[in-house]
Amino acid sequence: YVAAYIDSPKPLIAAVNGPAVVVSVTVMGLFDAVYATDRATFHTPFTDLGQSAEGCSSYIFPKLMGNTKANEMLLFNKKLTAHEACERGLVTEVIPHDNFQKEVQARIDYAAQLPPQSVMESKKLIRDQEREKLHTANE
C-alpha cells in the first residue's frame, strides 16, 4: 500500500493529534504536508521489535533529517516530540492542541481551493525526481 502514497497524484495531508507509531510515522515522509498537535509523538521502534525500517523511511528520513538523526529514530528507537519532528523536517507545522482541528481544517480548505491541475502537475514535477528511488526503497 505504500506504493499508493508514492504514486498519489493528489496532495497528501496528515493531521497527527496523538501518538504515531511505526508505519504511520514512516509514510509521513511521503506526505506533502504533516500537521501535528503539540501533544503528538513519533516513534519507530523497529529494532526493539526485531524488524527493519519500512515505508521508504530508510531512504526518506536521511534526506529529511540527515543520517545521524535518521539513525537515532530508525536504529535506536528514539521517540520524537512534535517539535523535534518539526525541527527534523518530518512535520510541517506544530499547532497547539486546543486549536488543532480548526487550524488544520483551514489549511485543508485553502489547499482544496487551489487550481487542482496546477497542484497535481507541480506535485508530479517534484515527485518524479524521486519516484523510481522510492519504489526501490519500498521493495
Protein backbone atom coordinates (compact mmCIF):
# COMPACT_ATOMS: atom_id res chain seq x y z
CA TYR A 1 0.00 0.00 0.00
CA VAL A 2 2.99 2.34 0.34
CA ALA A 3 3.18 2.46 -3.46
CA ALA A 4 -0.21 4.22 -3.43
CA TYR A 5 1.33 7.02 -1.36
CA ILE A 6 4.31 7.24 -3.70
CA ASP A 7 2.11 7.45 -6.79
CA SER A 8 -0.77 9.55 -5.46
CA PRO A 9 -1.31 12.46 -7.87
CA LYS A 10 -3.26 14.41 -5.26
CA PRO A 11 -1.72 16.16 -2.26
CA LEU A 12 -1.47 14.03 0.86
CA ILE A 13 -2.01 15.90 4.12
CA ALA A 14 -1.62 14.26 7.53
CA ALA A 15 -3.13 15.54 10.76
CA VAL A 16 -1.48 13.90 13.78
CA ASN A 17 -3.20 14.55 17.11
CA GLY A 18 -1.65 11.86 19.28
CA PRO A 19 0.95 9.11 19.30
CA ALA A 20 2.08 7.94 15.85
CA VAL A 21 3.95 4.62 15.76
CA VAL A 22 5.79 2.53 13.15
CA VAL A 23 4.31 2.72 9.61
CA SER A 24 2.07 5.66 10.48
CA VAL A 25 5.32 7.57 11.08
CA THR A 26 7.41 6.18 8.26
CA VAL A 27 4.93 7.03 5.50
CA MET A 28 4.77 10.65 6.66
CA GLY A 29 7.92 11.29 4.65
CA LEU A 30 5.78 10.66 1.56
CA PHE A 31 3.14 13.23 2.52
CA ASP A 32 3.03 16.75 1.13
CA ALA A 33 2.19 18.34 4.48
CA VAL A 34 2.13 16.97 8.02
CA TYR A 35 0.42 18.98 10.76
CA ALA A 36 0.80 17.84 14.35
CA THR A 37 -0.66 18.89 17.65
CA ASP A 38 1.86 19.86 20.28
CA ARG A 39 0.86 16.64 22.11
CA ALA A 40 1.79 14.33 19.22
CA THR A 41 4.73 11.92 19.38
CA PHE A 42 6.50 9.96 16.65
CA HIS A 43 8.06 6.57 17.37
CA THR A 44 9.67 3.96 15.11
CA PRO A 45 10.75 1.13 17.43
CA PHE A 46 11.77 -1.25 14.64
CA THR A 47 14.88 -2.68 16.23
CA ASP A 48 13.08 -3.12 19.56
CA LEU A 49 10.64 -5.29 17.61
CA GLY A 50 13.36 -7.16 15.71
CA GLN A 51 12.28 -5.63 12.40
CA SER A 52 13.77 -3.26 9.85
CA ALA A 53 12.56 0.14 8.73
CA GLU A 54 9.64 0.32 6.29
CA GLY A 55 7.56 2.76 4.29
CA CYS A 56 10.57 4.21 2.43
CA SER A 57 11.88 5.67 5.70
CA SER A 58 15.38 4.25 5.10
CA TYR A 59 15.53 6.49 2.03
CA ILE A 60 13.41 9.50 3.02
CA PHE A 61 14.45 10.05 6.64
CA PRO A 62 18.18 10.57 5.94
CA LYS A 63 17.21 13.04 3.19
CA LEU A 64 14.92 14.94 5.57
CA MET A 65 16.99 14.96 8.72
CA GLY A 66 20.49 13.70 7.92
CA ASN A 67 21.95 10.26 8.59
CA THR A 68 22.64 10.54 12.30
CA LYS A 69 19.21 11.90 13.21
CA ALA A 70 17.53 9.30 10.97
CA ASN A 71 19.62 6.56 12.62
CA GLU A 72 18.57 7.82 16.03
CA MET A 73 14.95 7.11 15.06
CA LEU A 74 15.29 4.05 12.83
CA LEU A 75 18.13 2.18 14.57
CA PHE A 76 17.99 3.41 18.14
CA ASN A 77 14.20 3.84 18.52
CA LYS A 78 14.14 7.48 19.65
CA LYS A 79 10.63 8.77 20.20
CA LEU A 80 10.25 12.36 18.98
CA THR A 81 8.01 15.11 20.25
CA ALA A 82 6.09 17.08 17.66
CA HIS A 83 8.56 19.95 17.95
CA GLU A 84 11.53 17.62 17.44
CA ALA A 85 9.81 16.07 14.40
CA CYS A 86 9.24 19.56 13.01
CA GLU A 87 12.88 20.55 13.57
CA ARG A 88 13.92 17.41 11.66
CA GLY A 89 11.63 18.14 8.71
CA LEU A 90 9.16 15.30 9.27
CA VAL A 91 6.38 17.67 10.41
CA THR A 92 5.40 20.80 8.51
CA GLU A 93 3.93 22.69 11.44
CA VAL A 94 3.12 22.14 15.10
CA ILE A 95 -0.25 23.56 16.15
CA PRO A 96 -1.49 23.96 19.73
CA HIS A 97 -3.83 21.14 20.71
CA ASP A 98 -6.74 23.43 21.61
CA ASN A 99 -6.84 24.96 18.09
CA PHE A 100 -5.71 21.92 16.14
CA GLN A 101 -8.93 20.87 14.37
CA LYS A 102 -9.82 24.42 13.34
CA GLU A 103 -6.31 25.32 12.16
CA VAL A 104 -5.77 22.11 10.19
CA GLN A 105 -9.18 22.44 8.56
CA ALA A 106 -8.29 26.00 7.49
CA ARG A 107 -5.11 24.72 5.82
CA ILE A 108 -7.01 21.91 4.09
CA ASP A 109 -9.71 24.33 2.92
CA TYR A 110 -7.03 26.60 1.48
CA ALA A 111 -5.35 23.71 -0.34
CA ALA A 112 -8.71 22.49 -1.66
CA GLN A 113 -9.45 25.82 -3.35
CA LEU A 114 -6.16 25.90 -5.29
CA PRO A 115 -6.38 25.02 -9.01
CA PRO A 116 -6.25 21.20 -8.94
CA GLN A 117 -4.39 20.70 -12.23
CA SER A 118 -1.71 23.16 -11.18
CA VAL A 119 -1.26 21.47 -7.81
CA MET A 120 -1.14 17.96 -9.30
CA GLU A 121 1.27 18.95 -12.07
CA SER A 122 3.56 20.66 -9.55
CA LYS A 123 3.45 17.59 -7.32
CA LYS A 124 4.26 15.38 -10.31
CA LEU A 125 7.31 17.51 -11.16
CA ILE A 126 8.55 17.25 -7.59
CA ARG A 127 7.78 13.54 -7.09
CA ASP A 128 9.03 12.35 -10.49
CA GLN A 129 12.59 13.22 -9.45
CA GLU A 130 12.41 10.57 -6.71
CA ARG A 131 9.66 8.16 -7.79
CA GLU A 132 11.90 5.31 -9.01
CA LYS A 133 14.14 5.53 -5.94
CA LEU A 134 11.12 5.49 -3.65
CA HIS A 135 9.70 2.38 -5.31
CA THR A 136 13.10 0.69 -4.99
CA ALA A 137 13.27 1.62 -1.29
CA ASN A 138 9.77 0.21 -0.83
CA GLU A 139 10.68 -3.25 -2.19
